[in-house]
C-alpha cells in the first residue's frame, strides 16, 4: 500500500459517497487508475464496506449504554453467549476482552425503560452470564471518524 492508496482510504472514510471522478481529483489521479486502486483495495479486504452514518435520535435510539459482562470462562459458555448476541439488534457493538470484564457491549435503545426491559428480558437471561454492569453514556465526546491510515 502506497501513499496514494492511503489518501484514497482517508478520502473514502471522510466521504464514502465520492464519485470516482471527485476521488481521483482529490488524490491526484485520473479516474481509471483510481477506480482500479479502489477495486483492488476492496478485493484485498482493506475496504470492507460502505455505510451511512445515522443520527441515533432520528431513529429513536439516542439512549446508549456501555455494558460490561462477565461470562463463565469456558468455551461452550462463551460461544453460546456470542451467538446469542447476534440475535439482539439493540446490541450495536460487542467486544470480547482479555481480563475483566470479559465482554463489553454498546447498546442503543429509545430510553431507560427500553434498556430496563432489554436488561431484564434478554441480557440477564443469557446462558453463562455471571455479572452485568451498565454505564449510561452521558455525552459522546468524540465521534468515530475512521482509522488513521498512516502518513
Protein backbone atom coordinates (compact mmCIF):
# COMPACT_ATOMS: atom_id res chain seq x y z
CA UNK A 1 0.00 0.00 0.00
CA UNK A 2 1.47 3.32 -1.02
CA UNK A 3 0.69 6.94 -0.19
CA UNK A 4 -1.94 7.19 -2.94
CA UNK A 5 -3.81 4.18 -1.52
CA UNK A 6 -3.65 5.77 1.93
CA UNK A 7 -5.01 9.04 0.52
CA UNK A 8 -7.84 7.10 -1.14
CA UNK A 9 -8.66 5.48 2.20
CA UNK A 10 -8.61 8.83 4.01
CA UNK A 11 -10.93 10.42 1.47
CA UNK A 12 -13.37 7.50 1.41
CA UNK A 13 -13.51 7.40 5.22
CA UNK A 14 -14.40 11.10 5.22
CA UNK A 15 -16.99 10.70 2.45
CA UNK A 16 -17.83 7.25 1.12
CA UNK A 17 -20.18 8.74 -1.47
CA UNK A 18 -17.49 10.47 -3.51
CA UNK A 19 -17.69 9.80 -7.21
CA UNK A 20 -14.63 8.19 -8.76
CA UNK A 21 -14.06 11.45 -10.63
CA UNK A 22 -14.05 13.51 -7.43
CA UNK A 23 -11.95 10.94 -5.56
CA UNK A 24 -9.43 10.81 -8.43
CA UNK A 25 -9.17 14.60 -8.43
CA UNK A 26 -8.58 14.70 -4.65
CA UNK A 27 -5.82 12.06 -4.74
CA UNK A 28 -4.15 13.30 -7.93
CA UNK A 29 -5.09 10.50 -10.33
CA UNK A 30 -7.23 10.15 -13.41
CA UNK A 31 -10.49 8.21 -12.90
CA UNK A 32 -9.42 4.91 -14.49
CA UNK A 33 -6.36 4.17 -12.31
CA UNK A 34 -8.24 5.49 -9.28
CA UNK A 35 -11.07 3.02 -9.91
CA UNK A 36 -8.55 0.17 -10.30
CA UNK A 37 -6.97 1.06 -6.97
CA UNK A 38 -10.34 1.26 -5.18
CA UNK A 39 -11.39 -2.11 -6.61
CA UNK A 40 -8.06 -3.64 -5.56
CA UNK A 41 -8.46 -2.26 -2.03
CA UNK A 42 -11.95 -3.79 -1.94
CA UNK A 43 -10.77 -7.15 -3.29
CA UNK A 44 -7.89 -7.24 -0.79
CA UNK A 45 -10.36 -6.67 2.07
CA UNK A 46 -8.81 -3.34 3.05
CA UNK A 47 -12.14 -1.64 2.28
CA UNK A 48 -14.71 -3.90 3.91
CA UNK A 49 -17.85 -1.96 3.02
CA UNK A 50 -19.65 1.37 2.87
CA UNK A 51 -22.23 2.65 5.33
CA UNK A 52 -24.36 5.65 6.09
CA UNK A 53 -23.85 7.31 9.49
CA UNK A 54 -27.30 7.68 11.03
CA UNK A 55 -28.39 10.13 13.72
CA UNK A 56 -29.48 7.90 16.65
CA UNK A 57 -32.15 10.38 17.71
CA UNK A 58 -33.74 10.30 14.25
CA UNK A 59 -34.37 6.56 14.58
CA UNK A 60 -35.37 6.55 18.25
CA UNK A 61 -32.12 5.11 19.65
CA UNK A 62 -30.48 8.04 21.39
CA UNK A 63 -30.15 6.26 24.77
CA UNK A 64 -26.80 4.48 24.71
CA UNK A 65 -25.33 2.22 27.35
CA UNK A 66 -21.95 0.55 27.72
CA UNK A 67 -22.44 -2.81 29.37
CA UNK A 68 -19.66 -4.91 30.84
CA UNK A 69 -20.49 -8.57 31.16
CA UNK A 70 -18.72 -11.45 32.82
CA UNK A 71 -19.24 -14.79 31.15
CA UNK A 72 -18.18 -18.17 32.53
CA UNK A 73 -14.68 -18.86 31.27
CA UNK A 74 -15.39 -21.98 29.30
CA UNK A 75 -15.57 -22.38 25.55
CA UNK A 76 -19.19 -23.52 25.33
CA UNK A 77 -20.47 -20.66 27.50
CA UNK A 78 -18.51 -18.04 25.56
CA UNK A 79 -19.59 -19.40 22.17
CA UNK A 80 -23.25 -19.61 23.24
CA UNK A 81 -23.13 -16.07 24.62
CA UNK A 82 -21.54 -14.65 21.47
CA UNK A 83 -24.05 -16.48 19.25
CA UNK A 84 -26.97 -15.15 21.32
CA UNK A 85 -25.72 -11.57 20.93
CA UNK A 86 -26.17 -11.84 17.16
CA UNK A 87 -29.95 -12.05 17.71
CA UNK A 88 -30.19 -8.86 19.80
CA UNK A 89 -30.40 -5.88 17.42
CA UNK A 90 -30.10 -3.37 20.30
CA UNK A 91 -26.50 -4.55 20.79
CA UNK A 92 -24.76 -2.46 18.15
CA UNK A 93 -21.18 -3.39 19.10
CA UNK A 94 -19.72 -6.25 21.12
CA UNK A 95 -16.14 -6.99 22.10
CA UNK A 96 -14.56 -9.96 23.85
CA UNK A 97 -11.83 -8.65 26.13
CA UNK A 98 -8.76 -10.02 27.85
CA UNK A 99 -9.12 -9.85 31.61
CA UNK A 100 -12.11 -8.45 33.40
CA UNK A 101 -14.74 -7.68 32.24
CA UNK A 102 -14.83 -10.48 29.71
CA UNK A 103 -17.13 -8.65 27.30
CA UNK A 104 -18.09 -5.07 26.54
CA UNK A 105 -21.30 -4.18 24.70
CA UNK A 106 -22.56 -0.93 23.26
CA UNK A 107 -26.33 -0.81 23.28
CA UNK A 108 -28.66 1.73 21.66
CA UNK A 109 -32.31 1.90 22.67
CA UNK A 110 -35.04 4.54 22.95
CA UNK A 111 -34.87 5.31 26.67
CA UNK A 112 -34.20 3.99 30.16
CA UNK A 113 -37.41 1.94 30.21
CA UNK A 114 -36.42 0.21 26.97
CA UNK A 115 -32.98 -0.56 28.38
CA UNK A 116 -34.50 -1.94 31.59
CA UNK A 117 -36.71 -4.28 29.52
CA UNK A 118 -33.72 -5.41 27.50
CA UNK A 119 -31.67 -5.93 30.68
CA UNK A 120 -34.39 -7.97 32.39
CA UNK A 121 -35.75 -9.91 29.41
CA UNK A 122 -32.59 -10.57 27.38
CA UNK A 123 -29.24 -9.73 28.92
CA UNK A 124 -29.65 -11.33 32.34
CA UNK A 125 -31.23 -14.43 30.82
CA UNK A 126 -28.29 -15.24 28.55
CA UNK A 127 -26.62 -18.51 29.40
CA UNK A 128 -23.26 -18.32 31.17
CA UNK A 129 -23.63 -14.74 32.46
CA UNK A 130 -22.26 -14.19 35.95
CA UNK A 131 -22.35 -10.37 36.13
CA UNK A 132 -23.83 -7.42 34.20
CA UNK A 133 -22.77 -3.81 34.84
CA UNK A 134 -24.21 -0.83 32.98
CA UNK A 135 -22.77 2.62 32.35
CA UNK A 136 -25.14 5.11 30.75
CA UNK A 137 -23.46 7.36 28.21
CA UNK A 138 -23.91 10.98 29.23
CA UNK A 139 -22.32 12.59 26.18
CA UNK A 140 -20.40 11.40 23.16
CA UNK A 141 -17.18 13.40 23.29
CA UNK A 142 -15.57 12.10 20.09
CA UNK A 143 -17.39 10.57 17.15
CA UNK A 144 -15.82 7.72 15.19
CA UNK A 145 -14.19 9.22 12.10
CA UNK A 146 -12.40 6.18 10.72
CA UNK A 147 -8.99 4.65 11.27
CA UNK A 148 -5.73 6.54 10.93
CA UNK A 149 -4.07 5.17 7.79
CA UNK A 150 -0.53 6.46 8.23
CA UNK A 151 1.40 9.25 6.58
